[in-house]
Amino acid sequence: MDETHSSIKKGRKYAQVIEGARTVFLRDGFEGASVDDIAREAKVSKATLYSYVPDKRVLFLEVAGLEATRQADAFTERMDENQPPHVLLPSAGRKILDFLLSDFGTAVYRIAVAESLRFPEVAQRFYESGPGLVQKRLSQYLATATARGELVIEDIELAAEQFAELCKVRLVPMRIFQMVHDIDEAQKQEIVDSAVAMFLARYGTSR
């Protein structure tokens, strides 16, 4: 994975290439995306494109990893670890759910899963840069809250994974399998509120 990632060249038109690739991958998927279309969307020549990345697989790996990292950074951008769980968890849960239900989040998830057998490093980097990083940062908060006596958790990492999974029920599978397209705010809030209530019923000190 590191060898593949190191083959990315950074330069003056790097951001231009990445944004063009992002647009085409979301529109056409991995198989449907052509190097010609990506170069056209990025407004660069094919020669310029290949000077930055050796092939389409590496380019997709870069796009997915950068977006996942951006979302993970946004997750913790306003996370105040001094807040008690009943205040912080609803906000954290909503950020998790909003990303998973977003057009980009859904598209990258589908592509990463579809390509995971042929290119396991694609799925691995996406997980480590996005979901894995979110769970790591959520684990850090849960450990802090536990140390303050606000939660009682023996397996911090498991608890972080459980909370993320609670936020995914119903709406995320329906979105992934295209069973629903329009999800209103009330539906999202219901899922997050239920996830927080169940989590605190298991790990809260007042249970």
N, C-alpha and C. Protein backbone atom coordinates (compact mmCIF):
# COMPACT_ATOMS: atom_id res chain seq x y z
N MET A 1 0.83 -1.20 0.00
CA MET A 1 0.00 0.00 0.00
C MET A 1 0.86 1.25 0.00
N ASP A 2 1.90 1.27 0.82
CA ASP A 2 2.76 2.44 0.90
C ASP A 2 3.48 2.67 -0.42
N GLU A 3 3.90 1.55 -1.07
CA GLU A 3 4.59 1.68 -2.34
C GLU A 3 3.66 2.29 -3.38
N THR A 4 2.40 1.85 -3.39
CA THR A 4 1.43 2.40 -4.34
C THR A 4 1.21 3.87 -4.08
N HIS A 5 1.02 4.22 -2.80
CA HIS A 5 0.74 5.60 -2.45
C HIS A 5 1.92 6.51 -2.77
N SER A 6 3.14 6.00 -2.64
CA SER A 6 4.32 6.82 -2.86
C SER A 6 4.50 7.14 -4.33
N SER A 7 3.79 6.44 -5.23
CA SER A 7 3.93 6.69 -6.65
C SER A 7 3.13 7.92 -7.09
N ILE A 8 2.35 8.50 -6.20
CA ILE A 8 1.63 9.73 -6.48
C ILE A 8 2.62 10.90 -6.51
N LYS A 9 2.55 11.72 -7.56
CA LYS A 9 3.42 12.88 -7.66
C LYS A 9 2.62 14.12 -7.28
N LYS A 10 3.17 14.95 -6.42
CA LYS A 10 2.53 16.21 -6.08
C LYS A 10 3.15 17.32 -6.92
N GLY A 11 2.31 18.18 -7.43
CA GLY A 11 2.80 19.27 -8.26
C GLY A 11 1.76 20.35 -8.43
N ARG A 12 2.00 21.25 -9.37
CA ARG A 12 1.16 22.42 -9.55
C ARG A 12 -0.28 22.07 -9.91
N LYS A 13 -0.49 21.00 -10.67
CA LYS A 13 -1.83 20.64 -11.12
C LYS A 13 -2.40 19.44 -10.37
N TYR A 14 -1.78 19.11 -9.24
CA TYR A 14 -2.24 17.95 -8.47
C TYR A 14 -3.70 18.09 -8.05
N ALA A 15 -4.06 19.24 -7.46
CA ALA A 15 -5.43 19.45 -7.00
C ALA A 15 -6.42 19.40 -8.16
N GLN A 16 -6.00 19.91 -9.30
CA GLN A 16 -6.83 19.91 -10.50
C GLN A 16 -7.11 18.48 -10.96
N VAL A 17 -6.09 17.65 -10.95
CA VAL A 17 -6.22 16.25 -11.34
C VAL A 17 -7.14 15.50 -10.37
N ILE A 18 -6.94 15.72 -9.07
CA ILE A 18 -7.74 15.04 -8.06
C ILE A 18 -9.22 15.42 -8.17
N GLU A 19 -9.50 16.69 -8.35
CA GLU A 19 -10.89 17.14 -8.44
C GLU A 19 -11.57 16.60 -9.69
N GLY A 20 -10.83 16.57 -10.80
CA GLY A 20 -11.39 16.00 -12.02
C GLY A 20 -11.68 14.52 -11.87
N ALA A 21 -10.77 13.80 -11.24
CA ALA A 21 -10.96 12.37 -11.02
C ALA A 21 -12.13 12.12 -10.08
N ARG A 22 -12.25 12.93 -9.05
CA ARG A 22 -13.35 12.80 -8.09
C ARG A 22 -14.69 12.90 -8.81
N THR A 23 -14.82 13.89 -9.69
CA THR A 23 -16.06 14.09 -10.43
C THR A 23 -16.40 12.89 -11.31
N VAL A 24 -15.41 12.38 -12.03
CA VAL A 24 -15.64 11.28 -12.97
C VAL A 24 -15.91 9.97 -12.24
N PHE A 25 -15.17 9.69 -11.18
CA PHE A 25 -15.40 8.45 -10.43
C PHE A 25 -16.80 8.42 -9.84
N LEU A 26 -17.26 9.54 -9.32
CA LEU A 26 -18.60 9.59 -8.74
C LEU A 26 -19.66 9.43 -9.81
N ARG A 27 -19.41 9.98 -10.96
CA ARG A 27 -20.40 9.93 -12.04
C ARG A 27 -20.45 8.57 -12.74
N ASP A 28 -19.26 7.99 -12.98
CA ASP A 28 -19.20 6.80 -13.83
C ASP A 28 -18.77 5.53 -13.11
N GLY A 29 -18.35 5.63 -11.83
CA GLY A 29 -17.83 4.46 -11.14
C GLY A 29 -16.41 4.16 -11.58
N PHE A 30 -15.80 3.17 -10.94
CA PHE A 30 -14.41 2.85 -11.26
C PHE A 30 -14.27 2.27 -12.66
N GLU A 31 -15.08 1.28 -12.98
CA GLU A 31 -14.99 0.63 -14.29
C GLU A 31 -15.36 1.58 -15.41
N GLY A 32 -16.39 2.39 -15.20
CA GLY A 32 -16.86 3.27 -16.26
C GLY A 32 -15.98 4.49 -16.48
N ALA A 33 -15.17 4.83 -15.52
CA ALA A 33 -14.32 6.01 -15.64
C ALA A 33 -13.14 5.72 -16.58
N SER A 34 -12.93 6.58 -17.55
CA SER A 34 -11.80 6.41 -18.46
C SER A 34 -10.76 7.49 -18.18
N VAL A 35 -9.53 7.17 -18.50
CA VAL A 35 -8.44 8.14 -18.32
C VAL A 35 -8.70 9.37 -19.19
N ASP A 36 -9.25 9.16 -20.38
CA ASP A 36 -9.57 10.28 -21.27
C ASP A 36 -10.58 11.22 -20.62
N ASP A 37 -11.62 10.64 -20.01
CA ASP A 37 -12.65 11.46 -19.37
C ASP A 37 -12.09 12.23 -18.18
N ILE A 38 -11.22 11.55 -17.40
CA ILE A 38 -10.63 12.20 -16.23
C ILE A 38 -9.75 13.37 -16.66
N ALA A 39 -8.93 13.14 -17.69
CA ALA A 39 -8.06 14.21 -18.18
C ALA A 39 -8.88 15.38 -18.71
N ARG A 40 -9.97 15.06 -19.40
CA ARG A 40 -10.83 16.12 -19.95
C ARG A 40 -11.48 16.92 -18.82
N GLU A 41 -11.99 16.21 -17.81
CA GLU A 41 -12.64 16.87 -16.69
C GLU A 41 -11.65 17.72 -15.90
N ALA A 42 -10.43 17.23 -15.77
CA ALA A 42 -9.39 17.95 -15.03
C ALA A 42 -8.74 19.07 -15.85
N LYS A 43 -9.08 19.08 -17.15
CA LYS A 43 -8.51 20.09 -18.06
C LYS A 43 -6.99 20.00 -18.14
N VAL A 44 -6.52 18.75 -18.25
CA VAL A 44 -5.09 18.51 -18.45
C VAL A 44 -4.94 17.47 -19.56
N SER A 45 -3.75 17.35 -20.10
CA SER A 45 -3.50 16.33 -21.12
C SER A 45 -3.31 14.97 -20.46
N LYS A 46 -3.45 13.90 -21.25
CA LYS A 46 -3.21 12.56 -20.70
C LYS A 46 -1.77 12.43 -20.24
N ALA A 47 -0.86 13.06 -20.95
CA ALA A 47 0.55 13.01 -20.56
C ALA A 47 0.75 13.64 -19.19
N THR A 48 0.07 14.77 -18.96
CA THR A 48 0.17 15.43 -17.66
C THR A 48 -0.43 14.55 -16.57
N LEU A 49 -1.58 13.95 -16.88
CA LEU A 49 -2.23 13.07 -15.90
C LEU A 49 -1.31 11.93 -15.51
N TYR A 50 -0.70 11.29 -16.49
CA TYR A 50 0.19 10.16 -16.20
C TYR A 50 1.48 10.60 -15.51
N SER A 51 1.81 11.88 -15.60
CA SER A 51 2.99 12.35 -14.89
C SER A 51 2.73 12.45 -13.39
N TYR A 52 1.43 12.47 -13.02
CA TYR A 52 1.06 12.54 -11.61
C TYR A 52 0.76 11.16 -11.02
N VAL A 53 0.11 10.32 -11.78
CA VAL A 53 -0.25 8.98 -11.30
C VAL A 53 0.01 7.96 -12.40
N PRO A 54 0.44 6.74 -12.01
CA PRO A 54 0.77 5.73 -13.03
C PRO A 54 -0.44 5.04 -13.64
N ASP A 55 -1.56 4.96 -12.91
CA ASP A 55 -2.74 4.31 -13.47
C ASP A 55 -4.01 4.74 -12.73
N LYS A 56 -5.15 4.32 -13.25
CA LYS A 56 -6.45 4.72 -12.72
C LYS A 56 -6.67 4.19 -11.31
N ARG A 57 -6.18 3.00 -11.03
CA ARG A 57 -6.36 2.41 -9.70
C ARG A 57 -5.71 3.27 -8.63
N VAL A 58 -4.50 3.70 -8.88
CA VAL A 58 -3.78 4.54 -7.93
C VAL A 58 -4.49 5.88 -7.74
N LEU A 59 -5.03 6.40 -8.83
CA LEU A 59 -5.75 7.67 -8.75
C LEU A 59 -7.01 7.54 -7.90
N PHE A 60 -7.73 6.44 -8.09
CA PHE A 60 -8.93 6.23 -7.27
C PHE A 60 -8.55 6.07 -5.80
N LEU A 61 -7.48 5.34 -5.54
CA LEU A 61 -6.99 5.15 -4.18
C LEU A 61 -6.72 6.50 -3.52
N GLU A 62 -6.10 7.41 -4.28
CA GLU A 62 -5.77 8.73 -3.76
C GLU A 62 -7.04 9.55 -3.48
N VAL A 63 -7.98 9.54 -4.42
CA VAL A 63 -9.22 10.31 -4.27
C VAL A 63 -10.01 9.82 -3.06
N ALA A 64 -10.19 8.50 -2.97
CA ALA A 64 -10.97 7.94 -1.86
C ALA A 64 -10.31 8.21 -0.52
N GLY A 65 -9.00 8.06 -0.46
CA GLY A 65 -8.29 8.29 0.79
C GLY A 65 -8.35 9.74 1.24
N LEU A 66 -8.20 10.66 0.30
CA LEU A 66 -8.24 12.08 0.65
C LEU A 66 -9.62 12.49 1.14
N GLU A 67 -10.66 12.00 0.48
CA GLU A 67 -12.02 12.36 0.89
C GLU A 67 -12.35 11.76 2.25
N ALA A 68 -11.95 10.52 2.47
CA ALA A 68 -12.22 9.89 3.76
C ALA A 68 -11.50 10.63 4.88
N THR A 69 -10.27 11.04 4.64
CA THR A 69 -9.52 11.80 5.64
C THR A 69 -10.17 13.15 5.91
N ARG A 70 -10.64 13.80 4.85
CA ARG A 70 -11.31 15.09 5.01
C ARG A 70 -12.55 14.96 5.88
N GLN A 71 -13.31 13.89 5.66
CA GLN A 71 -14.51 13.67 6.46
C GLN A 71 -14.17 13.35 7.91
N ALA A 72 -13.11 12.58 8.11
CA ALA A 72 -12.69 12.25 9.47
C ALA A 72 -12.22 13.49 10.21
N ASP A 73 -11.52 14.38 9.50
CA ASP A 73 -11.07 15.64 10.11
C ASP A 73 -12.27 16.51 10.48
N ALA A 74 -13.28 16.53 9.61
CA ALA A 74 -14.48 17.32 9.89
C ALA A 74 -15.21 16.76 11.10
N PHE A 75 -15.12 15.45 11.29
CA PHE A 75 -15.77 14.80 12.42
C PHE A 75 -15.25 15.32 13.76
N THR A 76 -13.94 15.55 13.82
CA THR A 76 -13.34 15.96 15.10
C THR A 76 -13.06 17.46 15.17
N GLU A 77 -13.35 18.17 14.09
CA GLU A 77 -13.03 19.60 14.03
C GLU A 77 -13.65 20.37 15.19
N ARG A 78 -14.88 20.07 15.51
CA ARG A 78 -15.58 20.78 16.57
C ARG A 78 -15.86 19.89 17.78
N MET A 79 -15.14 18.79 17.88
CA MET A 79 -15.36 17.88 19.01
C MET A 79 -14.69 18.43 20.26
N ASP A 80 -15.48 18.78 21.23
CA ASP A 80 -14.97 19.29 22.51
C ASP A 80 -15.00 18.14 23.51
N GLU A 81 -13.83 17.60 23.81
CA GLU A 81 -13.77 16.43 24.69
C GLU A 81 -14.18 16.75 26.12
N ASN A 82 -14.36 18.03 26.43
CA ASN A 82 -14.83 18.40 27.77
C ASN A 82 -16.35 18.23 27.92
N GLN A 83 -17.03 18.05 26.80
CA GLN A 83 -18.48 17.88 26.86
C GLN A 83 -18.84 16.49 27.38
N PRO A 84 -19.93 16.38 28.14
CA PRO A 84 -20.37 15.06 28.61
C PRO A 84 -20.94 14.25 27.45
N PRO A 85 -21.01 12.93 27.58
CA PRO A 85 -21.47 12.07 26.49
C PRO A 85 -22.85 12.42 25.95
N HIS A 86 -23.79 12.79 26.82
CA HIS A 86 -25.14 13.06 26.33
C HIS A 86 -25.20 14.33 25.48
N VAL A 87 -24.13 15.14 25.53
CA VAL A 87 -24.06 16.33 24.69
C VAL A 87 -23.26 16.06 23.42
N LEU A 88 -22.12 15.41 23.56
CA LEU A 88 -21.24 15.19 22.42
C LEU A 88 -21.72 14.09 21.48
N LEU A 89 -22.22 12.99 22.02
CA LEU A 89 -22.57 11.85 21.18
C LEU A 89 -23.64 12.15 20.13
N PRO A 90 -24.69 12.93 20.43
CA PRO A 90 -25.65 13.24 19.37
C PRO A 90 -25.02 13.96 18.18
N SER A 91 -24.10 14.88 18.46
CA SER A 91 -23.41 15.59 17.39
C SER A 91 -22.51 14.66 16.60
N ALA A 92 -21.77 13.81 17.31
CA ALA A 92 -20.87 12.87 16.65
C ALA A 92 -21.66 11.88 15.80
N GLY A 93 -22.76 11.39 16.35
CA GLY A 93 -23.58 10.44 15.61
C GLY A 93 -24.15 11.05 14.34
N ARG A 94 -24.54 12.30 14.41
CA ARG A 94 -25.11 12.95 13.24
C ARG A 94 -24.07 13.14 12.15
N LYS A 95 -22.83 13.46 12.53
CA LYS A 95 -21.77 13.62 11.54
C LYS A 95 -21.48 12.29 10.85
N ILE A 96 -21.47 11.21 11.61
CA ILE A 96 -21.25 9.88 11.04
C ILE A 96 -22.35 9.57 10.03
N LEU A 97 -23.58 9.77 10.44
CA LEU A 97 -24.72 9.43 9.59
C LEU A 97 -24.78 10.32 8.35
N ASP A 98 -24.54 11.60 8.51
CA ASP A 98 -24.61 12.52 7.37
C ASP A 98 -23.60 12.15 6.29
N PHE A 99 -22.39 11.76 6.70
CA PHE A 99 -21.39 11.38 5.71
C PHE A 99 -21.79 10.10 4.99
N LEU A 100 -22.25 9.11 5.75
CA LEU A 100 -22.62 7.83 5.15
C LEU A 100 -23.78 7.96 4.18
N LEU A 101 -24.66 8.93 4.43
CA LEU A 101 -25.82 9.13 3.56
C LEU A 101 -25.55 10.11 2.42
N SER A 102 -24.40 10.78 2.45
CA SER A 102 -24.09 11.76 1.41
C SER A 102 -23.84 11.04 0.08
N ASP A 103 -24.00 11.77 -1.02
CA ASP A 103 -23.78 11.19 -2.34
C ASP A 103 -22.36 10.63 -2.46
N PHE A 104 -21.39 11.41 -1.97
CA PHE A 104 -20.00 10.96 -2.10
C PHE A 104 -19.73 9.76 -1.19
N GLY A 105 -20.20 9.85 0.05
CA GLY A 105 -19.98 8.75 0.98
C GLY A 105 -20.55 7.44 0.47
N THR A 106 -21.75 7.51 -0.09
CA THR A 106 -22.39 6.32 -0.63
C THR A 106 -21.64 5.79 -1.85
N ALA A 107 -21.25 6.70 -2.73
CA ALA A 107 -20.57 6.28 -3.95
C ALA A 107 -19.21 5.66 -3.66
N VAL A 108 -18.43 6.28 -2.79
CA VAL A 108 -17.11 5.75 -2.46
C VAL A 108 -17.23 4.39 -1.78
N TYR A 109 -18.22 4.26 -0.90
CA TYR A 109 -18.43 2.98 -0.22
C TYR A 109 -18.72 1.88 -1.24
N ARG A 110 -19.60 2.15 -2.18
CA ARG A 110 -19.94 1.15 -3.19
C ARG A 110 -18.73 0.77 -4.02
N ILE A 111 -17.96 1.77 -4.45
CA ILE A 111 -16.80 1.51 -5.28
C ILE A 111 -15.72 0.75 -4.51
N ALA A 112 -15.48 1.17 -3.26
CA ALA A 112 -14.46 0.50 -2.45
C ALA A 112 -14.80 -0.96 -2.22
N VAL A 113 -16.07 -1.24 -1.95
CA VAL A 113 -16.51 -2.63 -1.76
C VAL A 113 -16.40 -3.41 -3.06
N ALA A 114 -16.83 -2.80 -4.17
CA ALA A 114 -16.80 -3.47 -5.47
C ALA A 114 -15.38 -3.82 -5.89
N GLU A 115 -14.42 -2.97 -5.54
CA GLU A 115 -13.04 -3.18 -5.97
C GLU A 115 -12.18 -3.88 -4.92
N SER A 116 -12.77 -4.23 -3.78
CA SER A 116 -11.97 -4.75 -2.66
C SER A 116 -11.31 -6.09 -2.97
N LEU A 117 -11.93 -6.91 -3.79
CA LEU A 117 -11.34 -8.22 -4.11
C LEU A 117 -10.15 -8.06 -5.06
N ARG A 118 -10.30 -7.21 -6.06
CA ARG A 118 -9.20 -7.01 -7.01
C ARG A 118 -8.11 -6.12 -6.45
N PHE A 119 -8.52 -5.09 -5.72
CA PHE A 119 -7.56 -4.12 -5.18
C PHE A 119 -7.82 -3.93 -3.69
N PRO A 120 -7.42 -4.88 -2.86
CA PRO A 120 -7.72 -4.78 -1.43
C PRO A 120 -7.13 -3.54 -0.77
N GLU A 121 -6.05 -2.98 -1.32
CA GLU A 121 -5.46 -1.79 -0.72
C GLU A 121 -6.38 -0.59 -0.84
N VAL A 122 -7.26 -0.60 -1.86
CA VAL A 122 -8.22 0.49 -2.02
C VAL A 122 -9.16 0.53 -0.82
N ALA A 123 -9.77 -0.63 -0.53
CA ALA A 123 -10.69 -0.70 0.60
C ALA A 123 -9.95 -0.47 1.92
N GLN A 124 -8.74 -1.01 2.04
CA GLN A 124 -7.98 -0.86 3.27
C GLN A 124 -7.65 0.59 3.55
N ARG A 125 -7.19 1.31 2.52
CA ARG A 125 -6.83 2.71 2.76
C ARG A 125 -8.08 3.55 3.04
N PHE A 126 -9.18 3.26 2.33
CA PHE A 126 -10.42 4.00 2.59
C PHE A 126 -10.86 3.79 4.03
N TYR A 127 -10.79 2.54 4.50
CA TYR A 127 -11.21 2.27 5.88
C TYR A 127 -10.29 2.97 6.87
N GLU A 128 -8.99 2.85 6.67
CA GLU A 128 -8.05 3.44 7.61
C GLU A 128 -8.11 4.96 7.61
N SER A 129 -8.37 5.55 6.45
CA SER A 129 -8.40 7.01 6.35
C SER A 129 -9.72 7.60 6.82
N GLY A 130 -10.81 6.82 6.74
CA GLY A 130 -12.12 7.33 7.08
C GLY A 130 -12.73 6.67 8.30
N PRO A 131 -13.49 5.58 8.10
CA PRO A 131 -14.16 4.92 9.24
C PRO A 131 -13.21 4.54 10.36
N GLY A 132 -12.04 4.03 10.02
CA GLY A 132 -11.09 3.63 11.05
C GLY A 132 -10.58 4.82 11.85
N LEU A 133 -10.34 5.93 11.16
CA LEU A 133 -9.85 7.13 11.84
C LEU A 133 -10.92 7.74 12.72
N VAL A 134 -12.17 7.73 12.25
CA VAL A 134 -13.29 8.24 13.06
C VAL A 134 -13.42 7.41 14.33
N GLN A 135 -13.35 6.10 14.20
CA GLN A 135 -13.49 5.24 15.38
C GLN A 135 -12.31 5.42 16.34
N LYS A 136 -11.12 5.67 15.79
CA LYS A 136 -9.97 5.92 16.65
C LYS A 136 -10.17 7.18 17.48
N ARG A 137 -10.65 8.24 16.83
CA ARG A 137 -10.85 9.50 17.54
C ARG A 137 -12.03 9.42 18.50
N LEU A 138 -13.05 8.67 18.11
CA LEU A 138 -14.17 8.47 19.01
C LEU A 138 -13.72 7.66 20.22
N SER A 139 -12.85 6.69 20.01
CA SER A 139 -12.30 5.89 21.11
C SER A 139 -11.55 6.77 22.11
N GLN A 140 -10.82 7.73 21.59
CA GLN A 140 -10.07 8.64 22.47
C GLN A 140 -11.02 9.42 23.37
N TYR A 141 -12.13 9.87 22.80
CA TYR A 141 -13.11 10.60 23.62
C TYR A 141 -13.75 9.68 24.64
N LEU A 142 -14.13 8.48 24.23
CA LEU A 142 -14.77 7.55 25.16
C LEU A 142 -13.84 7.19 26.31
N ALA A 143 -12.55 7.08 26.01
CA ALA A 143 -11.57 6.79 27.06
C ALA A 143 -11.50 7.95 28.05
N THR A 144 -11.55 9.17 27.53
CA THR A 144 -11.52 10.36 28.38
C THR A 144 -12.76 10.43 29.26
N ALA A 145 -13.93 10.19 28.65
CA ALA A 145 -15.19 10.23 29.41
C ALA A 145 -15.24 9.13 30.45
N THR A 146 -14.66 7.99 30.14
CA THR A 146 -14.61 6.89 31.10
C THR A 146 -13.71 7.25 32.28
N ALA A 147 -12.57 7.87 31.97
CA ALA A 147 -11.65 8.29 33.02
C ALA A 147 -12.29 9.33 33.95
N ARG A 148 -13.21 10.13 33.41
CA ARG A 148 -13.90 11.12 34.22
C ARG A 148 -15.05 10.52 35.02
N GLY A 149 -15.34 9.26 34.80
CA GLY A 149 -16.42 8.60 35.52
C GLY A 149 -17.79 8.80 34.91
N GLU A 150 -17.83 9.32 33.66
CA GLU A 150 -19.11 9.57 32.98
C GLU A 150 -19.63 8.34 32.24
N LEU A 151 -18.72 7.43 31.93
CA LEU A 151 -19.07 6.18 31.26
C LEU A 151 -18.35 5.04 31.96
N VAL A 152 -18.90 3.83 31.83
CA VAL A 152 -18.25 2.63 32.35
C VAL A 152 -18.04 1.68 31.17
N ILE A 153 -16.82 1.69 30.63
CA ILE A 153 -16.51 0.89 29.43
C ILE A 153 -15.24 0.09 29.67
N GLU A 154 -15.30 -1.20 29.42
CA GLU A 154 -14.12 -2.04 29.54
C GLU A 154 -13.35 -2.13 28.22
N ASP A 155 -14.07 -2.29 27.13
CA ASP A 155 -13.45 -2.39 25.81
C ASP A 155 -13.80 -1.12 25.02
N ILE A 156 -12.90 -0.14 25.05
CA ILE A 156 -13.16 1.16 24.44
C ILE A 156 -13.36 1.05 22.92
N GLU A 157 -12.49 0.32 22.26
CA GLU A 157 -12.57 0.21 20.81
C GLU A 157 -13.87 -0.46 20.37
N LEU A 158 -14.27 -1.49 21.09
CA LEU A 158 -15.53 -2.16 20.77
C LEU A 158 -16.70 -1.21 20.94
N ALA A 159 -16.70 -0.43 22.01
CA ALA A 159 -17.78 0.51 22.26
C ALA A 159 -17.86 1.56 21.15
N ALA A 160 -16.71 2.05 20.68
CA ALA A 160 -16.69 3.03 19.59
C ALA A 160 -17.29 2.43 18.32
N GLU A 161 -16.95 1.19 18.03
CA GLU A 161 -17.49 0.52 16.85
C GLU A 161 -18.99 0.31 17.00
N GLN A 162 -19.43 -0.05 18.21
CA GLN A 162 -20.85 -0.26 18.44
C GLN A 162 -21.65 1.02 18.21
N PHE A 163 -21.12 2.15 18.69
CA PHE A 163 -21.84 3.40 18.51
C PHE A 163 -21.96 3.75 17.03
N ALA A 164 -20.87 3.59 16.28
CA ALA A 164 -20.91 3.88 14.85
C ALA A 164 -21.92 2.99 14.14
N GLU A 165 -21.97 1.71 14.52
CA GLU A 165 -22.91 0.80 13.89
C GLU A 165 -24.35 1.15 14.23
N LEU A 166 -24.60 1.59 15.46
CA LEU A 166 -25.95 1.99 15.86
C LEU A 166 -26.45 3.16 15.00
N CYS A 167 -25.53 4.00 14.58
CA CYS A 167 -25.91 5.16 13.77
C CYS A 167 -26.21 4.79 12.32
N LYS A 168 -25.87 3.57 11.93
CA LYS A 168 -26.04 3.15 10.53
C LYS A 168 -27.34 2.40 10.27
N VAL A 169 -28.05 2.01 11.31
CA VAL A 169 -29.20 1.12 11.11
C VAL A 169 -30.27 1.76 10.24
N ARG A 170 -30.96 0.91 9.52
CA ARG A 170 -32.09 1.26 8.67
C ARG A 170 -31.74 2.16 7.49
N LEU A 171 -31.36 3.40 7.75
CA LEU A 171 -31.21 4.37 6.67
C LEU A 171 -30.02 4.08 5.75
N VAL A 172 -28.88 3.71 6.32
CA VAL A 172 -27.69 3.49 5.49
C VAL A 172 -27.86 2.29 4.56
N PRO A 173 -28.32 1.12 5.05
CA PRO A 173 -28.54 0.01 4.12
C PRO A 173 -29.57 0.36 3.05
N MET A 174 -30.62 1.07 3.41
CA MET A 174 -31.64 1.45 2.43
C MET A 174 -31.07 2.39 1.37
N ARG A 175 -30.16 3.24 1.78
CA ARG A 175 -29.52 4.17 0.84
C ARG A 175 -28.53 3.43 -0.06
N ILE A 176 -27.75 2.54 0.51
CA ILE A 176 -26.77 1.77 -0.26
C ILE A 176 -27.45 0.95 -1.34
N PHE A 177 -28.57 0.31 -0.99
CA PHE A 177 -29.28 -0.54 -1.94
C PHE A 177 -30.34 0.21 -2.74
N GLN A 178 -30.29 1.54 -2.67
CA GLN A 178 -31.16 2.42 -3.44
C GLN A 178 -32.65 2.14 -3.21
N MET A 179 -32.98 1.81 -1.98
CA MET A 179 -34.39 1.60 -1.62
C MET A 179 -35.05 2.92 -1.24
N VAL A 180 -34.23 3.92 -0.96
CA VAL A 180 -34.75 5.23 -0.60
C VAL A 180 -33.75 6.29 -1.05
N HIS A 181 -34.25 7.45 -1.48
CA HIS A 181 -33.38 8.51 -1.96
C HIS A 181 -33.54 9.79 -1.13
N ASP A 182 -34.77 10.09 -0.78
CA ASP A 182 -35.04 11.29 0.01
C ASP A 182 -35.23 10.93 1.48
N ILE A 183 -34.29 11.36 2.31
CA ILE A 183 -34.36 11.09 3.74
C ILE A 183 -34.44 12.42 4.46
N ASP A 184 -35.49 12.62 5.23
CA ASP A 184 -35.65 13.92 5.87
C ASP A 184 -34.91 13.98 7.21
N GLU A 185 -34.84 15.18 7.74
CA GLU A 185 -34.08 15.42 8.97
C GLU A 185 -34.67 14.66 10.15
N ALA A 186 -35.98 14.54 10.19
CA ALA A 186 -36.62 13.84 11.31
C ALA A 186 -36.23 12.37 11.36
N GLN A 187 -36.09 11.74 10.19
CA GLN A 187 -35.68 10.33 10.14
C GLN A 187 -34.25 10.17 10.64
N LYS A 188 -33.38 11.08 10.22
CA LYS A 188 -31.99 11.02 10.68
C LYS A 188 -31.90 11.21 12.19
N GLN A 189 -32.63 12.19 12.69
CA GLN A 189 -32.56 12.49 14.11
C GLN A 189 -33.09 11.34 14.95
N GLU A 190 -34.11 10.66 14.44
CA GLU A 190 -34.66 9.52 15.17
C GLU A 190 -33.62 8.42 15.33
N ILE A 191 -32.87 8.15 14.27
CA ILE A 191 -31.83 7.12 14.33
C ILE A 191 -30.74 7.50 15.31
N VAL A 192 -30.27 8.74 15.24
CA VAL A 192 -29.19 9.20 16.12
C VAL A 192 -29.65 9.22 17.57
N ASP A 193 -30.84 9.75 17.83
CA ASP A 193 -31.35 9.79 19.21
C ASP A 193 -31.46 8.39 19.80
N SER A 194 -31.92 7.45 18.98
CA SER A 194 -32.04 6.07 19.44
C SER A 194 -30.67 5.46 19.71
N ALA A 195 -29.70 5.76 18.83
CA ALA A 195 -28.34 5.24 19.01
C ALA A 195 -27.72 5.75 20.31
N VAL A 196 -27.89 7.02 20.58
CA VAL A 196 -27.35 7.61 21.81
C VAL A 196 -28.03 7.01 23.04
N ALA A 197 -29.35 6.87 22.97
CA ALA A 197 -30.09 6.32 24.11
C ALA A 197 -29.65 4.89 24.41
N MET A 198 -29.51 4.08 23.39
CA MET A 198 -29.08 2.69 23.59
C MET A 198 -27.66 2.62 24.12
N PHE A 199 -26.78 3.47 23.56
CA PHE A 199 -25.38 3.47 23.99
C PHE A 199 -25.26 3.86 25.46
N LEU A 200 -25.97 4.91 25.86
CA LEU A 200 -25.90 5.37 27.25
C LEU A 200 -26.59 4.40 28.19
N ALA A 201 -27.61 3.67 27.70
CA ALA A 201 -28.26 2.67 28.54
C ALA A 201 -27.29 1.54 28.86
N ARG A 202 -26.37 1.28 27.95
CA ARG A 202 -25.38 0.21 28.17
C ARG A 202 -24.16 0.71 28.93
N TYR A 203 -23.67 1.90 28.60
CA TYR A 203 -22.40 2.36 29.16
C TYR A 203 -22.49 3.57 30.08
N GLY A 204 -23.65 4.20 30.17
CA GLY A 204 -23.77 5.37 31.02
C GLY A 204 -23.75 5.02 32.51
N THR A 205 -23.32 5.94 33.33
CA THR A 205 -23.20 5.65 34.76
C THR A 205 -24.55 5.71 35.47
N SER A 206 -25.56 6.27 34.82
CA SER A 206 -26.87 6.39 35.46
C SER A 206 -27.81 5.26 35.09
N ARG A 207 -27.30 4.26 34.38
CA ARG A 207 -28.19 3.16 33.95
C ARG A 207 -28.64 2.30 35.14
